[in-house]
Amino acid sequence: MTTEQVVLLDEDGNAIGTADKATVHGKDTPLHLAFSCYVFDDAGRLLVTQRAVAKPTFGGVWTNTCCGHPAPGEPLADAVRRRVGQELGLHLDRMTLLLPRFRYRAVGDDGTVEYELCPVFTATASGDPQPDPAEVEAWEWVPWTQFRDDVVSGRREVSLWCREQVAALPEDPVSAPAADPAELPPAALPR
């Protein structure tokens, strides 16, 4: 079994090395490359997931559809498709980059830190997920407008990154125009 690696970044988003994913998240997590994806169905509903309770970072927290880390040298779009397939058993139809430079730092209840440059994508998929129970505790389809309103108003508890992303996303992310991929952090630019 190969060890999953994450790409470490400098403050400008340039790759400066790699680290084992299993050891990088702690109380002093370095800035690294990640992604978030918001998957919608044909009815415009968002797939919202609860992270598996046993996950070492933010276990049990409700959040957007899927988050992950590209492997060193892996194109970001490929990483999104790979991770959504692994975690949820879904094939993505249409994928759109919306927030190429989203960045956040979040501290969990146990002091574990997430610190990521995390481009945000939307995608569409058909059918219900078949989640990996090691990754996803629960899931539900929610109308986007309801989800957005509940998150922005504070009525719905979600991860810090999801709350910040929802506030930054367009009101209608499914039909929003794609962001310029040239705005991605240098480490995520296609080679």
N, C-alpha and C. Protein backbone atom coordinates (compact mmCIF):
# COMPACT_ATOMS: atom_id res chain seq x y z
N MET A 1 0.85 -1.18 0.00
CA MET A 1 0.00 0.00 0.00
C MET A 1 0.89 1.24 0.00
N THR A 2 0.61 2.18 -0.88
CA THR A 2 1.41 3.40 -0.96
C THR A 2 0.89 4.42 0.04
N THR A 3 1.81 5.24 0.52
CA THR A 3 1.46 6.30 1.47
C THR A 3 0.95 7.50 0.69
N GLU A 4 -0.22 8.02 1.10
CA GLU A 4 -0.79 9.18 0.43
C GLU A 4 0.00 10.43 0.82
N GLN A 5 0.39 11.20 -0.19
CA GLN A 5 1.18 12.41 0.00
C GLN A 5 0.36 13.66 -0.30
N VAL A 6 0.66 14.76 0.39
CA VAL A 6 0.08 16.05 0.08
C VAL A 6 1.19 16.98 -0.37
N VAL A 7 0.81 18.02 -1.13
CA VAL A 7 1.76 18.99 -1.65
C VAL A 7 1.83 20.17 -0.69
N LEU A 8 3.00 20.42 -0.14
CA LEU A 8 3.23 21.56 0.75
C LEU A 8 3.46 22.82 -0.07
N LEU A 9 2.99 23.95 0.46
CA LEU A 9 3.02 25.21 -0.29
C LEU A 9 3.70 26.32 0.49
N ASP A 10 4.27 27.28 -0.27
CA ASP A 10 4.69 28.52 0.36
C ASP A 10 3.50 29.48 0.36
N GLU A 11 3.69 30.67 0.89
CA GLU A 11 2.57 31.62 1.02
C GLU A 11 1.98 32.05 -0.32
N ASP A 12 2.74 31.90 -1.41
CA ASP A 12 2.25 32.29 -2.73
C ASP A 12 1.62 31.12 -3.50
N GLY A 13 1.58 29.94 -2.88
CA GLY A 13 0.97 28.79 -3.53
C GLY A 13 1.91 27.97 -4.39
N ASN A 14 3.19 28.18 -4.24
CA ASN A 14 4.18 27.37 -4.95
C ASN A 14 4.48 26.10 -4.17
N ALA A 15 4.67 24.99 -4.87
CA ALA A 15 5.02 23.74 -4.22
C ALA A 15 6.43 23.84 -3.63
N ILE A 16 6.57 23.42 -2.37
CA ILE A 16 7.88 23.46 -1.72
C ILE A 16 8.27 22.09 -1.15
N GLY A 17 7.46 21.08 -1.43
CA GLY A 17 7.77 19.75 -0.93
C GLY A 17 6.51 18.92 -0.78
N THR A 18 6.65 17.76 -0.16
CA THR A 18 5.52 16.88 0.09
C THR A 18 5.61 16.37 1.53
N ALA A 19 4.49 15.82 2.00
CA ALA A 19 4.46 15.21 3.33
C ALA A 19 3.41 14.11 3.31
N ASP A 20 3.56 13.15 4.21
CA ASP A 20 2.55 12.10 4.35
C ASP A 20 1.26 12.72 4.86
N LYS A 21 0.16 12.42 4.19
CA LYS A 21 -1.13 12.95 4.60
C LYS A 21 -1.44 12.56 6.05
N ALA A 22 -1.10 11.35 6.43
CA ALA A 22 -1.41 10.86 7.77
C ALA A 22 -0.69 11.63 8.87
N THR A 23 0.40 12.30 8.53
CA THR A 23 1.18 13.00 9.56
C THR A 23 1.13 14.51 9.43
N VAL A 24 0.60 15.03 8.36
CA VAL A 24 0.67 16.48 8.12
C VAL A 24 -0.32 17.27 8.96
N HIS A 25 -1.47 16.69 9.30
CA HIS A 25 -2.50 17.41 10.05
C HIS A 25 -2.27 17.25 11.55
N GLY A 26 -2.03 18.37 12.21
CA GLY A 26 -1.80 18.37 13.65
C GLY A 26 -2.07 19.75 14.20
N LYS A 27 -1.37 20.09 15.26
CA LYS A 27 -1.57 21.40 15.89
C LYS A 27 -0.83 22.52 15.15
N ASP A 28 0.13 22.12 14.30
CA ASP A 28 0.92 23.10 13.55
C ASP A 28 0.96 22.68 12.07
N THR A 29 -0.20 22.46 11.48
CA THR A 29 -0.30 21.98 10.10
C THR A 29 0.26 23.01 9.12
N PRO A 30 1.16 22.59 8.24
CA PRO A 30 1.68 23.52 7.23
C PRO A 30 0.66 23.76 6.12
N LEU A 31 0.79 24.88 5.44
CA LEU A 31 -0.07 25.19 4.30
C LEU A 31 0.15 24.12 3.23
N HIS A 32 -0.95 23.59 2.71
CA HIS A 32 -0.85 22.56 1.67
C HIS A 32 -2.01 22.68 0.69
N LEU A 33 -1.90 21.96 -0.41
CA LEU A 33 -2.87 22.03 -1.50
C LEU A 33 -4.01 21.04 -1.27
N ALA A 34 -5.22 21.50 -1.50
CA ALA A 34 -6.40 20.66 -1.34
C ALA A 34 -7.44 21.08 -2.38
N PHE A 35 -8.65 20.56 -2.26
CA PHE A 35 -9.77 21.00 -3.09
C PHE A 35 -11.06 20.70 -2.34
N SER A 36 -12.11 21.39 -2.72
CA SER A 36 -13.47 21.10 -2.26
C SER A 36 -14.36 20.98 -3.49
N CYS A 37 -15.35 20.09 -3.41
CA CYS A 37 -16.28 19.91 -4.51
C CYS A 37 -17.71 19.90 -3.98
N TYR A 38 -18.59 20.57 -4.69
CA TYR A 38 -20.02 20.63 -4.40
C TYR A 38 -20.72 19.93 -5.55
N VAL A 39 -21.29 18.75 -5.29
CA VAL A 39 -21.93 17.94 -6.33
C VAL A 39 -23.44 18.16 -6.29
N PHE A 40 -24.00 18.44 -7.46
CA PHE A 40 -25.44 18.68 -7.61
C PHE A 40 -26.06 17.58 -8.47
N ASP A 41 -27.34 17.32 -8.22
CA ASP A 41 -28.08 16.38 -9.08
C ASP A 41 -28.82 17.16 -10.16
N ASP A 42 -29.58 16.45 -10.99
CA ASP A 42 -30.29 17.10 -12.09
C ASP A 42 -31.38 18.05 -11.61
N ALA A 43 -31.84 17.88 -10.37
CA ALA A 43 -32.87 18.76 -9.81
C ALA A 43 -32.27 19.99 -9.13
N GLY A 44 -30.93 20.11 -9.18
CA GLY A 44 -30.28 21.27 -8.56
C GLY A 44 -30.06 21.12 -7.07
N ARG A 45 -30.21 19.90 -6.56
CA ARG A 45 -29.97 19.67 -5.13
C ARG A 45 -28.49 19.38 -4.89
N LEU A 46 -27.99 19.84 -3.75
CA LEU A 46 -26.61 19.64 -3.36
C LEU A 46 -26.49 18.38 -2.53
N LEU A 47 -25.46 17.59 -2.79
CA LEU A 47 -25.15 16.43 -1.96
C LEU A 47 -24.28 16.90 -0.79
N VAL A 48 -24.85 16.84 0.41
CA VAL A 48 -24.17 17.25 1.63
C VAL A 48 -23.77 15.98 2.38
N THR A 49 -22.55 15.97 2.91
CA THR A 49 -22.06 14.76 3.59
C THR A 49 -21.63 15.07 5.02
N GLN A 50 -21.74 14.03 5.85
CA GLN A 50 -21.19 14.09 7.19
C GLN A 50 -19.92 13.25 7.19
N ARG A 51 -18.81 13.85 7.59
CA ARG A 51 -17.54 13.13 7.63
C ARG A 51 -17.65 11.98 8.62
N ALA A 52 -17.04 10.86 8.30
CA ALA A 52 -17.07 9.71 9.20
C ALA A 52 -16.59 10.13 10.59
N VAL A 53 -17.27 9.65 11.60
CA VAL A 53 -16.93 10.00 12.97
C VAL A 53 -15.50 9.60 13.31
N ALA A 54 -15.03 8.50 12.75
CA ALA A 54 -13.68 8.01 13.06
C ALA A 54 -12.56 8.75 12.33
N LYS A 55 -12.91 9.68 11.44
CA LYS A 55 -11.84 10.41 10.73
C LYS A 55 -11.02 11.22 11.73
N PRO A 56 -9.70 11.26 11.54
CA PRO A 56 -8.86 11.97 12.51
C PRO A 56 -9.00 13.49 12.47
N THR A 57 -9.46 14.04 11.36
CA THR A 57 -9.66 15.49 11.28
C THR A 57 -11.13 15.79 11.03
N PHE A 58 -11.73 16.53 11.94
CA PHE A 58 -13.11 17.00 11.84
C PHE A 58 -14.11 15.85 11.64
N GLY A 59 -13.89 14.75 12.34
CA GLY A 59 -14.80 13.62 12.27
C GLY A 59 -16.20 14.00 12.74
N GLY A 60 -17.21 13.51 12.01
CA GLY A 60 -18.60 13.75 12.36
C GLY A 60 -19.16 15.09 11.92
N VAL A 61 -18.34 15.94 11.34
CA VAL A 61 -18.78 17.28 10.92
C VAL A 61 -19.49 17.19 9.57
N TRP A 62 -20.61 17.89 9.44
CA TRP A 62 -21.31 18.01 8.15
C TRP A 62 -20.59 19.04 7.31
N THR A 63 -20.54 18.79 6.00
CA THR A 63 -19.78 19.67 5.12
C THR A 63 -20.26 19.52 3.68
N ASN A 64 -19.54 20.14 2.77
CA ASN A 64 -19.83 20.02 1.34
C ASN A 64 -19.64 18.57 0.90
N THR A 65 -19.87 18.29 -0.36
CA THR A 65 -19.89 16.91 -0.85
C THR A 65 -18.59 16.17 -0.60
N CYS A 66 -17.47 16.77 -0.99
CA CYS A 66 -16.21 16.04 -0.92
C CYS A 66 -15.04 17.03 -0.84
N CYS A 67 -14.05 16.66 -0.06
CA CYS A 67 -12.80 17.40 0.03
C CYS A 67 -11.66 16.41 -0.15
N GLY A 68 -10.52 16.90 -0.55
CA GLY A 68 -9.39 15.99 -0.70
C GLY A 68 -8.13 16.73 -1.06
N HIS A 69 -7.10 15.96 -1.35
CA HIS A 69 -5.78 16.49 -1.68
C HIS A 69 -5.29 15.85 -2.97
N PRO A 70 -4.82 16.65 -3.92
CA PRO A 70 -4.20 16.05 -5.09
C PRO A 70 -2.85 15.45 -4.71
N ALA A 71 -2.52 14.35 -5.33
CA ALA A 71 -1.19 13.76 -5.13
C ALA A 71 -0.16 14.63 -5.84
N PRO A 72 1.09 14.57 -5.45
CA PRO A 72 2.12 15.34 -6.17
C PRO A 72 2.08 15.02 -7.66
N GLY A 73 1.98 16.08 -8.48
CA GLY A 73 1.94 15.93 -9.93
C GLY A 73 0.58 15.56 -10.51
N GLU A 74 -0.42 15.29 -9.67
CA GLU A 74 -1.75 14.91 -10.16
C GLU A 74 -2.55 16.16 -10.55
N PRO A 75 -3.08 16.22 -11.77
CA PRO A 75 -3.92 17.36 -12.13
C PRO A 75 -5.10 17.47 -11.16
N LEU A 76 -5.43 18.70 -10.81
CA LEU A 76 -6.47 18.95 -9.81
C LEU A 76 -7.81 18.33 -10.20
N ALA A 77 -8.23 18.48 -11.46
CA ALA A 77 -9.51 17.92 -11.90
C ALA A 77 -9.52 16.40 -11.77
N ASP A 78 -8.39 15.77 -12.06
CA ASP A 78 -8.29 14.32 -11.89
C ASP A 78 -8.41 13.93 -10.42
N ALA A 79 -7.81 14.72 -9.55
CA ALA A 79 -7.88 14.44 -8.11
C ALA A 79 -9.32 14.55 -7.61
N VAL A 80 -10.06 15.55 -8.09
CA VAL A 80 -11.46 15.70 -7.68
C VAL A 80 -12.25 14.47 -8.10
N ARG A 81 -12.10 14.08 -9.36
CA ARG A 81 -12.84 12.91 -9.85
C ARG A 81 -12.46 11.64 -9.09
N ARG A 82 -11.16 11.47 -8.86
CA ARG A 82 -10.68 10.29 -8.12
C ARG A 82 -11.29 10.23 -6.73
N ARG A 83 -11.22 11.34 -6.01
CA ARG A 83 -11.67 11.34 -4.62
C ARG A 83 -13.19 11.18 -4.50
N VAL A 84 -13.95 11.84 -5.37
CA VAL A 84 -15.41 11.68 -5.35
C VAL A 84 -15.77 10.22 -5.65
N GLY A 85 -15.06 9.60 -6.57
CA GLY A 85 -15.29 8.19 -6.87
C GLY A 85 -14.96 7.30 -5.69
N GLN A 86 -13.82 7.56 -5.03
CA GLN A 86 -13.41 6.74 -3.89
C GLN A 86 -14.36 6.89 -2.70
N GLU A 87 -14.69 8.13 -2.36
CA GLU A 87 -15.49 8.38 -1.17
C GLU A 87 -16.97 8.08 -1.37
N LEU A 88 -17.48 8.38 -2.57
CA LEU A 88 -18.93 8.36 -2.77
C LEU A 88 -19.40 7.45 -3.89
N GLY A 89 -18.48 6.85 -4.64
CA GLY A 89 -18.87 5.96 -5.72
C GLY A 89 -19.60 6.66 -6.84
N LEU A 90 -19.37 7.95 -7.00
CA LEU A 90 -20.05 8.73 -8.05
C LEU A 90 -19.10 9.06 -9.19
N HIS A 91 -19.67 9.08 -10.39
CA HIS A 91 -18.96 9.55 -11.58
C HIS A 91 -19.44 10.97 -11.85
N LEU A 92 -18.52 11.91 -11.97
CA LEU A 92 -18.89 13.31 -12.20
C LEU A 92 -19.09 13.57 -13.68
N ASP A 93 -20.18 14.26 -13.97
CA ASP A 93 -20.49 14.61 -15.35
C ASP A 93 -19.82 15.93 -15.73
N ARG A 94 -20.32 17.02 -15.22
CA ARG A 94 -19.79 18.34 -15.56
C ARG A 94 -19.10 18.92 -14.34
N MET A 95 -17.88 19.38 -14.50
CA MET A 95 -17.14 19.96 -13.38
C MET A 95 -16.71 21.37 -13.75
N THR A 96 -16.88 22.31 -12.80
CA THR A 96 -16.57 23.71 -13.04
C THR A 96 -15.76 24.27 -11.88
N LEU A 97 -14.66 24.93 -12.18
CA LEU A 97 -13.87 25.62 -11.18
C LEU A 97 -14.53 26.97 -10.89
N LEU A 98 -14.84 27.24 -9.61
CA LEU A 98 -15.48 28.51 -9.27
C LEU A 98 -14.62 29.41 -8.38
N LEU A 99 -13.93 28.84 -7.40
CA LEU A 99 -13.11 29.63 -6.49
C LEU A 99 -11.67 29.11 -6.55
N PRO A 100 -10.87 29.61 -7.49
CA PRO A 100 -9.54 29.04 -7.70
C PRO A 100 -8.54 29.32 -6.57
N ARG A 101 -8.75 30.36 -5.78
CA ARG A 101 -7.77 30.75 -4.77
C ARG A 101 -8.31 30.70 -3.35
N PHE A 102 -9.38 29.93 -3.12
CA PHE A 102 -9.94 29.87 -1.78
C PHE A 102 -8.88 29.35 -0.81
N ARG A 103 -8.78 30.01 0.33
CA ARG A 103 -7.78 29.65 1.34
C ARG A 103 -8.44 29.76 2.71
N TYR A 104 -8.11 28.82 3.58
CA TYR A 104 -8.67 28.88 4.92
C TYR A 104 -7.75 28.19 5.92
N ARG A 105 -8.00 28.50 7.18
CA ARG A 105 -7.36 27.82 8.30
C ARG A 105 -8.46 27.55 9.31
N ALA A 106 -8.60 26.30 9.73
CA ALA A 106 -9.64 25.92 10.68
C ALA A 106 -9.01 25.08 11.78
N VAL A 107 -9.48 25.30 13.01
CA VAL A 107 -9.00 24.54 14.16
C VAL A 107 -10.16 23.72 14.71
N GLY A 108 -9.96 22.41 14.79
CA GLY A 108 -10.99 21.52 15.31
C GLY A 108 -11.08 21.57 16.83
N ASP A 109 -12.12 20.97 17.37
CA ASP A 109 -12.32 20.94 18.83
C ASP A 109 -11.13 20.33 19.56
N ASP A 110 -10.42 19.41 18.90
CA ASP A 110 -9.27 18.75 19.53
C ASP A 110 -7.96 19.48 19.27
N GLY A 111 -8.03 20.65 18.62
CA GLY A 111 -6.83 21.43 18.32
C GLY A 111 -6.18 21.11 16.98
N THR A 112 -6.71 20.10 16.27
CA THR A 112 -6.16 19.76 14.96
C THR A 112 -6.46 20.89 13.98
N VAL A 113 -5.46 21.26 13.19
CA VAL A 113 -5.57 22.39 12.27
C VAL A 113 -5.64 21.89 10.83
N GLU A 114 -6.54 22.49 10.06
CA GLU A 114 -6.53 22.38 8.59
C GLU A 114 -6.05 23.72 8.09
N TYR A 115 -5.10 23.73 7.18
CA TYR A 115 -4.55 24.97 6.63
C TYR A 115 -4.27 24.72 5.16
N GLU A 116 -5.17 25.22 4.32
CA GLU A 116 -5.15 24.81 2.91
C GLU A 116 -5.40 25.94 1.94
N LEU A 117 -4.73 25.86 0.81
CA LEU A 117 -5.15 26.56 -0.39
C LEU A 117 -6.02 25.53 -1.09
N CYS A 118 -7.30 25.86 -1.28
CA CYS A 118 -8.31 24.84 -1.56
C CYS A 118 -9.25 25.30 -2.68
N PRO A 119 -8.85 25.19 -3.95
CA PRO A 119 -9.76 25.55 -5.03
C PRO A 119 -11.10 24.82 -4.89
N VAL A 120 -12.17 25.52 -5.25
CA VAL A 120 -13.52 24.99 -5.08
C VAL A 120 -14.16 24.75 -6.44
N PHE A 121 -14.73 23.56 -6.59
CA PHE A 121 -15.39 23.14 -7.82
C PHE A 121 -16.86 22.82 -7.55
N THR A 122 -17.66 22.92 -8.62
CA THR A 122 -18.99 22.31 -8.62
C THR A 122 -18.95 21.21 -9.66
N ALA A 123 -19.87 20.27 -9.52
CA ALA A 123 -19.98 19.19 -10.49
C ALA A 123 -21.41 18.67 -10.44
N THR A 124 -21.76 17.88 -11.46
CA THR A 124 -23.06 17.22 -11.46
C THR A 124 -22.83 15.72 -11.51
N ALA A 125 -23.79 14.99 -10.95
CA ALA A 125 -23.74 13.53 -10.96
C ALA A 125 -25.17 13.00 -10.94
N SER A 126 -25.33 11.80 -11.45
CA SER A 126 -26.64 11.15 -11.45
C SER A 126 -26.64 10.01 -10.46
N GLY A 127 -27.77 9.80 -9.82
CA GLY A 127 -27.92 8.69 -8.89
C GLY A 127 -27.43 9.03 -7.50
N ASP A 128 -27.80 8.18 -6.56
CA ASP A 128 -27.39 8.37 -5.18
C ASP A 128 -25.98 7.82 -4.96
N PRO A 129 -25.28 8.39 -3.99
CA PRO A 129 -23.92 7.91 -3.70
C PRO A 129 -23.94 6.53 -3.03
N GLN A 130 -22.83 5.86 -3.15
CA GLN A 130 -22.56 4.61 -2.43
C GLN A 130 -21.30 4.88 -1.60
N PRO A 131 -21.46 5.55 -0.46
CA PRO A 131 -20.28 6.05 0.25
C PRO A 131 -19.45 4.97 0.93
N ASP A 132 -18.15 5.28 1.02
CA ASP A 132 -17.21 4.47 1.78
C ASP A 132 -17.44 4.84 3.25
N PRO A 133 -17.84 3.89 4.11
CA PRO A 133 -18.15 4.22 5.51
C PRO A 133 -16.93 4.71 6.30
N ALA A 134 -15.73 4.46 5.82
CA ALA A 134 -14.54 4.99 6.48
C ALA A 134 -14.38 6.49 6.24
N GLU A 135 -15.10 7.01 5.23
CA GLU A 135 -15.00 8.42 4.86
C GLU A 135 -16.27 9.21 5.16
N VAL A 136 -17.42 8.59 4.95
CA VAL A 136 -18.71 9.30 5.02
C VAL A 136 -19.64 8.58 5.99
N GLU A 137 -20.09 9.32 7.00
CA GLU A 137 -21.01 8.78 8.00
C GLU A 137 -22.45 8.79 7.50
N ALA A 138 -22.83 9.90 6.85
CA ALA A 138 -24.21 10.08 6.37
C ALA A 138 -24.20 11.08 5.22
N TRP A 139 -25.30 11.14 4.49
CA TRP A 139 -25.40 12.07 3.37
C TRP A 139 -26.87 12.41 3.15
N GLU A 140 -27.10 13.52 2.45
CA GLU A 140 -28.46 13.91 2.05
C GLU A 140 -28.39 14.88 0.89
N TRP A 141 -29.43 14.84 0.07
CA TRP A 141 -29.60 15.83 -1.00
C TRP A 141 -30.43 16.97 -0.43
N VAL A 142 -29.96 18.21 -0.63
CA VAL A 142 -30.63 19.39 -0.08
C VAL A 142 -30.75 20.43 -1.19
N PRO A 143 -31.92 21.06 -1.34
CA PRO A 143 -32.02 22.16 -2.31
C PRO A 143 -30.97 23.24 -1.98
N TRP A 144 -30.25 23.67 -3.01
CA TRP A 144 -29.15 24.62 -2.81
C TRP A 144 -29.59 25.87 -2.08
N THR A 145 -30.71 26.47 -2.51
CA THR A 145 -31.15 27.73 -1.90
C THR A 145 -31.38 27.55 -0.41
N GLN A 146 -32.02 26.46 -0.03
CA GLN A 146 -32.28 26.18 1.38
C GLN A 146 -30.96 25.98 2.13
N PHE A 147 -30.06 25.19 1.56
CA PHE A 147 -28.77 24.95 2.19
C PHE A 147 -28.01 26.26 2.37
N ARG A 148 -27.92 27.03 1.30
CA ARG A 148 -27.19 28.30 1.35
C ARG A 148 -27.76 29.22 2.42
N ASP A 149 -29.09 29.39 2.41
CA ASP A 149 -29.73 30.26 3.39
C ASP A 149 -29.48 29.78 4.82
N ASP A 150 -29.58 28.47 5.04
CA ASP A 150 -29.38 27.93 6.38
C ASP A 150 -27.94 28.08 6.85
N VAL A 151 -26.98 27.90 5.95
CA VAL A 151 -25.57 28.05 6.31
C VAL A 151 -25.24 29.51 6.58
N VAL A 152 -25.64 30.40 5.68
CA VAL A 152 -25.31 31.82 5.82
C VAL A 152 -25.95 32.41 7.08
N SER A 153 -27.17 31.97 7.39
CA SER A 153 -27.87 32.50 8.58
C SER A 153 -27.38 31.87 9.88
N GLY A 154 -26.63 30.78 9.78
CA GLY A 154 -26.16 30.09 10.98
C GLY A 154 -27.13 29.04 11.50
N ARG A 155 -28.23 28.80 10.79
CA ARG A 155 -29.20 27.78 11.23
C ARG A 155 -28.68 26.37 11.03
N ARG A 156 -27.72 26.20 10.12
CA ARG A 156 -27.17 24.87 9.86
C ARG A 156 -25.69 24.86 10.18
N GLU A 157 -25.28 23.95 11.05
CA GLU A 157 -23.88 23.79 11.42
C GLU A 157 -23.16 23.00 10.34
N VAL A 158 -22.09 23.55 9.82
CA VAL A 158 -21.24 22.89 8.84
C VAL A 158 -19.79 23.22 9.17
N SER A 159 -18.87 22.60 8.47
CA SER A 159 -17.46 22.89 8.68
C SER A 159 -17.17 24.36 8.40
N LEU A 160 -16.12 24.87 9.02
CA LEU A 160 -15.73 26.26 8.81
C LEU A 160 -15.47 26.53 7.34
N TRP A 161 -14.75 25.60 6.66
CA TRP A 161 -14.44 25.84 5.26
C TRP A 161 -15.71 25.86 4.42
N CYS A 162 -16.66 25.00 4.72
CA CYS A 162 -17.91 24.99 3.97
C CYS A 162 -18.66 26.30 4.17
N ARG A 163 -18.73 26.78 5.40
CA ARG A 163 -19.42 28.05 5.68
C ARG A 163 -18.79 29.19 4.89
N GLU A 164 -17.45 29.25 4.89
CA GLU A 164 -16.77 30.32 4.16
C GLU A 164 -16.93 30.16 2.65
N GLN A 165 -16.91 28.94 2.15
CA GLN A 165 -17.08 28.70 0.72
C GLN A 165 -18.49 29.07 0.27
N VAL A 166 -19.49 28.65 1.03
CA VAL A 166 -20.88 28.96 0.66
C VAL A 166 -21.08 30.46 0.57
N ALA A 167 -20.50 31.20 1.51
CA ALA A 167 -20.62 32.67 1.48
C ALA A 167 -19.93 33.26 0.26
N ALA A 168 -18.87 32.62 -0.23
CA ALA A 168 -18.10 33.13 -1.37
C ALA A 168 -18.64 32.67 -2.72
N LEU A 169 -19.39 31.56 -2.74
CA LEU A 169 -19.90 31.04 -4.00
C LEU A 169 -21.02 31.92 -4.56
N PRO A 170 -21.22 31.92 -5.88
CA PRO A 170 -22.33 32.67 -6.46
C PRO A 170 -23.66 32.11 -5.97
N GLU A 171 -24.70 32.92 -6.04
CA GLU A 171 -26.03 32.46 -5.59
C GLU A 171 -26.49 31.22 -6.34
N ASP A 172 -26.14 31.13 -7.62
CA ASP A 172 -26.49 29.95 -8.41
C ASP A 172 -25.20 29.33 -8.95
N PRO A 173 -24.54 28.51 -8.14
CA PRO A 173 -23.24 27.99 -8.56
C PRO A 173 -23.30 27.02 -9.74
N VAL A 174 -24.45 26.39 -9.97
CA VAL A 174 -24.56 25.42 -11.05
C VAL A 174 -24.45 26.09 -12.41
N SER A 175 -25.02 27.28 -12.56
CA SER A 175 -24.99 27.95 -13.86
C SER A 175 -23.96 29.08 -13.91
N ALA A 176 -23.19 29.25 -12.86
CA ALA A 176 -22.19 30.32 -12.84
C ALA A 176 -21.07 30.02 -13.84
N PRO A 177 -20.50 31.06 -14.44
CA PRO A 177 -19.39 30.83 -15.36
C PRO A 177 -18.16 30.35 -14.61
N ALA A 178 -17.35 29.57 -15.29
CA ALA A 178 -16.13 29.04 -14.70
C ALA A 178 -15.13 30.16 -14.46
N ALA A 179 -14.36 30.01 -13.40
CA ALA A 179 -13.25 30.92 -13.13
C ALA A 179 -12.11 30.60 -14.09
N ASP A 180 -11.21 31.55 -14.24
CA ASP A 180 -10.04 31.37 -15.09
C ASP A 180 -9.07 30.41 -14.40
N PRO A 181 -8.74 29.26 -15.01
CA PRO A 181 -7.81 28.33 -14.37
C PRO A 181 -6.43 28.92 -14.13
N ALA A 182 -6.09 30.01 -14.83
CA ALA A 182 -4.80 30.67 -14.60
C ALA A 182 -4.72 31.28 -13.20
N GLU A 183 -5.89 31.41 -12.54
CA GLU A 183 -5.93 31.96 -11.19
C GLU A 183 -5.63 30.92 -10.11
N LEU A 184 -5.50 29.66 -10.50
CA LEU A 184 -5.17 28.61 -9.53
C LEU A 184 -3.82 28.89 -8.90
N PRO A 185 -3.58 28.37 -7.69
CA PRO A 185 -2.23 28.50 -7.12
C PRO A 185 -1.21 27.87 -8.08
N PRO A 186 0.00 28.41 -8.15
CA PRO A 186 0.99 27.87 -9.07
C PRO A 186 1.16 26.34 -8.97
N ALA A 187 1.10 25.79 -7.77
CA ALA A 187 1.27 24.36 -7.60
C ALA A 187 0.16 23.54 -8.23
N ALA A 188 -0.99 24.19 -8.51
CA ALA A 188 -2.14 23.48 -9.09
C ALA A 188 -2.30 23.73 -10.57
N LEU A 189 -1.46 24.57 -11.14
CA LEU A 189 -1.58 24.87 -12.57
C LEU A 189 -1.22 23.65 -13.42
N PRO A 190 -1.97 23.44 -14.50
CA PRO A 190 -1.62 22.31 -15.39
C PRO A 190 -0.21 22.47 -15.91
N ARG A 191 0.49 21.36 -16.00
CA ARG A 191 1.87 21.39 -16.48
C ARG A 191 1.92 20.97 -17.92
